[in-house]
């Protein structure tokens, strides 16, 4: 089965992060663009296997501030929850 791949780069805002995930992983229209909704979609609505590759994380950290740590923690938790999801940092 092919892996659904989402490659994030040039992420500087929370809106940009949500925009890219929504576009590349075909999130449902009801996605609420917050951490709780992100958890719900990634753990139950995105068909696996899939991976998120986040390139340029150092630059993203500067733009996202405190949201950066929350997003990374959530993606790590999703990876622990789902055997068919991989989070790759670059």
N, C-alpha and C. Protein backbone atom coordinates (compact mmCIF):
# COMPACT_ATOMS: atom_id res chain seq x y z
N UNK A 1 0.85 -1.18 0.00
CA UNK A 1 0.00 0.00 0.00
C UNK A 1 0.89 1.24 0.00
N UNK A 2 0.64 2.20 -0.89
CA UNK A 2 1.47 3.41 -0.94
C UNK A 2 1.27 4.29 0.29
N UNK A 3 2.31 4.99 0.65
CA UNK A 3 2.27 5.89 1.80
C UNK A 3 1.82 7.27 1.35
N UNK A 4 0.84 7.80 2.04
CA UNK A 4 0.38 9.17 1.81
C UNK A 4 1.39 10.08 2.50
N UNK A 5 2.02 10.95 1.75
CA UNK A 5 3.12 11.76 2.27
C UNK A 5 2.76 13.25 2.25
N UNK A 6 3.02 13.91 3.38
CA UNK A 6 2.84 15.35 3.50
C UNK A 6 4.20 15.94 3.81
N UNK A 7 4.67 16.84 2.95
CA UNK A 7 5.97 17.47 3.15
C UNK A 7 5.73 18.94 3.49
N UNK A 8 6.15 19.31 4.68
CA UNK A 8 6.01 20.68 5.15
C UNK A 8 7.34 21.40 5.01
N UNK A 9 7.31 22.58 4.40
CA UNK A 9 8.50 23.43 4.34
C UNK A 9 8.02 24.87 4.24
N UNK A 10 8.86 25.78 4.62
CA UNK A 10 8.51 27.20 4.64
C UNK A 10 7.26 27.47 5.48
N UNK A 11 7.20 26.82 6.63
CA UNK A 11 6.08 27.05 7.56
C UNK A 11 6.49 28.14 8.54
N UNK A 12 5.76 29.25 8.54
CA UNK A 12 6.10 30.37 9.41
C UNK A 12 4.95 30.80 10.30
N UNK A 13 3.76 30.28 10.00
CA UNK A 13 2.58 30.64 10.79
C UNK A 13 1.75 29.39 11.08
N UNK A 14 0.94 29.48 12.10
CA UNK A 14 0.04 28.39 12.42
C UNK A 14 -0.96 28.17 11.28
N UNK A 15 -1.44 29.26 10.70
CA UNK A 15 -2.37 29.15 9.58
C UNK A 15 -1.72 28.42 8.41
N UNK A 16 -0.46 28.73 8.13
CA UNK A 16 0.26 28.05 7.06
C UNK A 16 0.43 26.57 7.33
N UNK A 17 0.67 26.21 8.58
CA UNK A 17 0.78 24.81 8.98
C UNK A 17 -0.52 24.08 8.69
N UNK A 18 -1.63 24.64 9.18
CA UNK A 18 -2.93 24.02 8.96
C UNK A 18 -3.29 23.97 7.47
N UNK A 19 -2.97 25.03 6.74
CA UNK A 19 -3.26 25.06 5.30
C UNK A 19 -2.58 23.91 4.58
N UNK A 20 -1.30 23.69 4.86
CA UNK A 20 -0.55 22.64 4.17
C UNK A 20 -1.05 21.25 4.54
N UNK A 21 -1.30 21.01 5.82
CA UNK A 21 -1.84 19.69 6.20
C UNK A 21 -3.19 19.45 5.56
N UNK A 22 -4.04 20.46 5.59
CA UNK A 22 -5.38 20.33 5.01
C UNK A 22 -5.29 20.01 3.52
N UNK A 23 -4.42 20.70 2.83
CA UNK A 23 -4.28 20.50 1.38
C UNK A 23 -3.64 19.15 1.05
N UNK A 24 -2.55 18.82 1.70
CA UNK A 24 -1.80 17.63 1.33
C UNK A 24 -2.42 16.33 1.84
N UNK A 25 -3.11 16.39 2.96
CA UNK A 25 -3.71 15.17 3.51
C UNK A 25 -5.23 15.13 3.32
N UNK A 26 -5.76 16.07 2.56
CA UNK A 26 -7.19 16.10 2.23
C UNK A 26 -8.06 16.02 3.49
N UNK A 27 -7.81 16.95 4.41
CA UNK A 27 -8.61 17.00 5.63
C UNK A 27 -10.07 17.28 5.28
N UNK A 28 -10.97 16.83 6.12
CA UNK A 28 -12.40 17.10 5.87
C UNK A 28 -12.70 18.59 6.02
N UNK A 29 -13.76 19.04 5.39
CA UNK A 29 -14.13 20.45 5.44
C UNK A 29 -14.48 20.91 6.85
N UNK A 30 -14.86 19.99 7.71
CA UNK A 30 -15.24 20.39 9.07
C UNK A 30 -14.04 20.54 10.01
N UNK A 31 -12.81 20.38 9.51
CA UNK A 31 -11.61 20.53 10.35
C UNK A 31 -11.61 21.90 11.00
N UNK A 32 -11.47 21.94 12.32
CA UNK A 32 -11.62 23.16 13.09
C UNK A 32 -10.38 24.02 13.28
N UNK A 33 -9.24 23.62 12.72
CA UNK A 33 -8.01 24.41 12.75
C UNK A 33 -7.58 24.78 14.16
N UNK A 34 -7.58 23.80 15.05
CA UNK A 34 -7.04 23.94 16.40
C UNK A 34 -6.43 22.60 16.79
N UNK A 35 -5.72 22.56 17.90
CA UNK A 35 -5.00 21.34 18.28
C UNK A 35 -5.93 20.16 18.55
N UNK A 36 -7.05 20.39 19.18
CA UNK A 36 -7.99 19.29 19.44
C UNK A 36 -8.52 18.71 18.13
N UNK A 37 -8.88 19.59 17.21
CA UNK A 37 -9.38 19.13 15.91
C UNK A 37 -8.27 18.42 15.13
N UNK A 38 -7.04 18.93 15.22
CA UNK A 38 -5.92 18.29 14.54
C UNK A 38 -5.72 16.88 15.07
N UNK A 39 -5.76 16.71 16.37
CA UNK A 39 -5.64 15.38 16.98
C UNK A 39 -6.74 14.45 16.45
N UNK A 40 -7.96 14.93 16.47
CA UNK A 40 -9.09 14.11 16.02
C UNK A 40 -8.91 13.66 14.57
N UNK A 41 -8.53 14.58 13.69
CA UNK A 41 -8.38 14.25 12.28
C UNK A 41 -7.22 13.28 12.06
N UNK A 42 -6.08 13.57 12.70
CA UNK A 42 -4.90 12.72 12.47
C UNK A 42 -5.04 11.33 13.09
N UNK A 43 -5.78 11.22 14.17
CA UNK A 43 -5.90 9.90 14.80
C UNK A 43 -7.08 9.08 14.29
N UNK A 44 -8.04 9.72 13.63
CA UNK A 44 -9.20 8.92 13.24
C UNK A 44 -9.70 9.14 11.81
N UNK A 45 -9.29 10.21 11.15
CA UNK A 45 -9.89 10.48 9.84
C UNK A 45 -8.94 10.40 8.66
N UNK A 46 -7.64 10.48 8.90
CA UNK A 46 -6.67 10.35 7.81
C UNK A 46 -6.35 8.87 7.66
N UNK A 47 -6.55 8.38 6.44
CA UNK A 47 -6.29 6.96 6.18
C UNK A 47 -4.79 6.72 6.10
N UNK A 48 -4.35 5.68 6.75
CA UNK A 48 -2.93 5.32 6.73
C UNK A 48 -2.64 4.29 5.68
N UNK A 49 -1.40 4.02 5.46
CA UNK A 49 -0.26 4.64 6.14
C UNK A 49 0.01 6.04 5.59
N UNK A 50 0.50 6.90 6.49
CA UNK A 50 0.87 8.24 6.06
C UNK A 50 2.03 8.74 6.89
N UNK A 51 2.69 9.75 6.35
CA UNK A 51 3.80 10.36 7.07
C UNK A 51 3.79 11.86 6.84
N UNK A 52 4.30 12.56 7.83
CA UNK A 52 4.51 13.99 7.73
C UNK A 52 6.00 14.23 7.85
N UNK A 53 6.55 14.86 6.82
CA UNK A 53 7.97 15.22 6.81
C UNK A 53 8.03 16.74 6.96
N UNK A 54 8.64 17.19 8.05
CA UNK A 54 8.71 18.62 8.31
C UNK A 54 10.15 19.08 8.07
N UNK A 55 10.34 19.79 6.97
CA UNK A 55 11.65 20.31 6.60
C UNK A 55 11.80 21.75 7.10
N UNK A 56 13.01 22.13 7.47
CA UNK A 56 13.25 23.50 7.92
C UNK A 56 12.62 23.81 9.26
N UNK A 57 12.71 22.87 10.17
CA UNK A 57 12.05 23.07 11.46
C UNK A 57 12.64 24.22 12.26
N UNK A 58 13.93 24.49 12.11
CA UNK A 58 14.53 25.60 12.85
C UNK A 58 13.90 26.94 12.48
N UNK A 59 13.66 27.14 11.20
CA UNK A 59 13.01 28.38 10.76
C UNK A 59 11.56 28.41 11.21
N UNK A 60 10.90 27.27 11.19
CA UNK A 60 9.50 27.21 11.63
C UNK A 60 9.38 27.55 13.11
N UNK A 61 10.34 27.11 13.90
CA UNK A 61 10.32 27.38 15.35
C UNK A 61 10.28 28.89 15.60
N UNK A 62 11.08 29.63 14.85
CA UNK A 62 11.11 31.08 15.03
C UNK A 62 9.77 31.72 14.71
N UNK A 63 9.14 31.30 13.63
CA UNK A 63 7.87 31.89 13.22
C UNK A 63 6.69 31.47 14.07
N UNK A 64 6.72 30.23 14.54
CA UNK A 64 5.56 29.69 15.27
C UNK A 64 5.61 29.95 16.77
N UNK A 65 6.78 30.26 17.30
CA UNK A 65 6.88 30.50 18.74
C UNK A 65 6.42 29.31 19.55
N UNK A 66 5.59 29.56 20.57
CA UNK A 66 5.12 28.51 21.48
C UNK A 66 4.27 27.46 20.76
N UNK A 67 3.62 27.85 19.67
CA UNK A 67 2.82 26.88 18.92
C UNK A 67 3.69 25.77 18.35
N UNK A 68 4.94 26.07 18.04
CA UNK A 68 5.84 25.07 17.48
C UNK A 68 5.95 23.86 18.41
N UNK A 69 6.24 24.09 19.68
CA UNK A 69 6.40 22.98 20.63
C UNK A 69 5.12 22.19 20.78
N UNK A 70 3.99 22.87 20.78
CA UNK A 70 2.71 22.17 20.91
C UNK A 70 2.44 21.30 19.68
N UNK A 71 2.75 21.80 18.49
CA UNK A 71 2.54 21.02 17.27
C UNK A 71 3.45 19.80 17.23
N UNK A 72 4.72 19.98 17.56
CA UNK A 72 5.66 18.86 17.55
C UNK A 72 5.23 17.81 18.58
N UNK A 73 4.83 18.24 19.76
CA UNK A 73 4.37 17.30 20.78
C UNK A 73 3.16 16.52 20.30
N UNK A 74 2.21 17.20 19.67
CA UNK A 74 1.02 16.52 19.16
C UNK A 74 1.40 15.51 18.08
N UNK A 75 2.27 15.88 17.15
CA UNK A 75 2.67 14.94 16.10
C UNK A 75 3.40 13.75 16.68
N UNK A 76 4.21 13.96 17.71
CA UNK A 76 4.87 12.84 18.40
C UNK A 76 3.84 11.92 19.05
N UNK A 77 2.81 12.51 19.65
CA UNK A 77 1.76 11.71 20.29
C UNK A 77 0.97 10.91 19.26
N UNK A 78 0.69 11.51 18.11
CA UNK A 78 -0.01 10.78 17.05
C UNK A 78 0.85 9.60 16.59
N UNK A 79 2.16 9.81 16.46
CA UNK A 79 3.06 8.73 16.05
C UNK A 79 3.06 7.60 17.07
N UNK A 80 2.95 7.93 18.35
CA UNK A 80 2.89 6.91 19.39
C UNK A 80 1.55 6.17 19.37
N UNK A 81 0.51 6.87 18.95
CA UNK A 81 -0.85 6.31 18.93
C UNK A 81 -1.11 5.42 17.71
N UNK A 82 -0.54 5.79 16.58
CA UNK A 82 -0.83 5.09 15.31
C UNK A 82 0.42 4.40 14.78
N UNK A 83 0.30 3.13 14.52
CA UNK A 83 1.41 2.38 13.95
C UNK A 83 1.62 2.70 12.48
N UNK A 84 0.61 3.27 11.83
CA UNK A 84 0.71 3.55 10.40
C UNK A 84 1.00 5.02 10.10
N UNK A 85 1.54 5.74 11.10
CA UNK A 85 1.92 7.14 10.93
C UNK A 85 3.37 7.34 11.35
N UNK A 86 4.10 8.11 10.54
CA UNK A 86 5.48 8.45 10.85
C UNK A 86 5.66 9.96 10.78
N UNK A 87 6.34 10.52 11.77
CA UNK A 87 6.67 11.94 11.79
C UNK A 87 8.17 12.05 11.63
N UNK A 88 8.61 12.71 10.56
CA UNK A 88 10.03 12.84 10.25
C UNK A 88 10.42 14.30 10.34
N UNK A 89 11.46 14.56 11.12
CA UNK A 89 11.99 15.92 11.29
C UNK A 89 13.20 16.11 10.39
N UNK A 90 13.28 17.26 9.74
CA UNK A 90 14.47 17.57 8.92
C UNK A 90 14.87 19.01 9.14
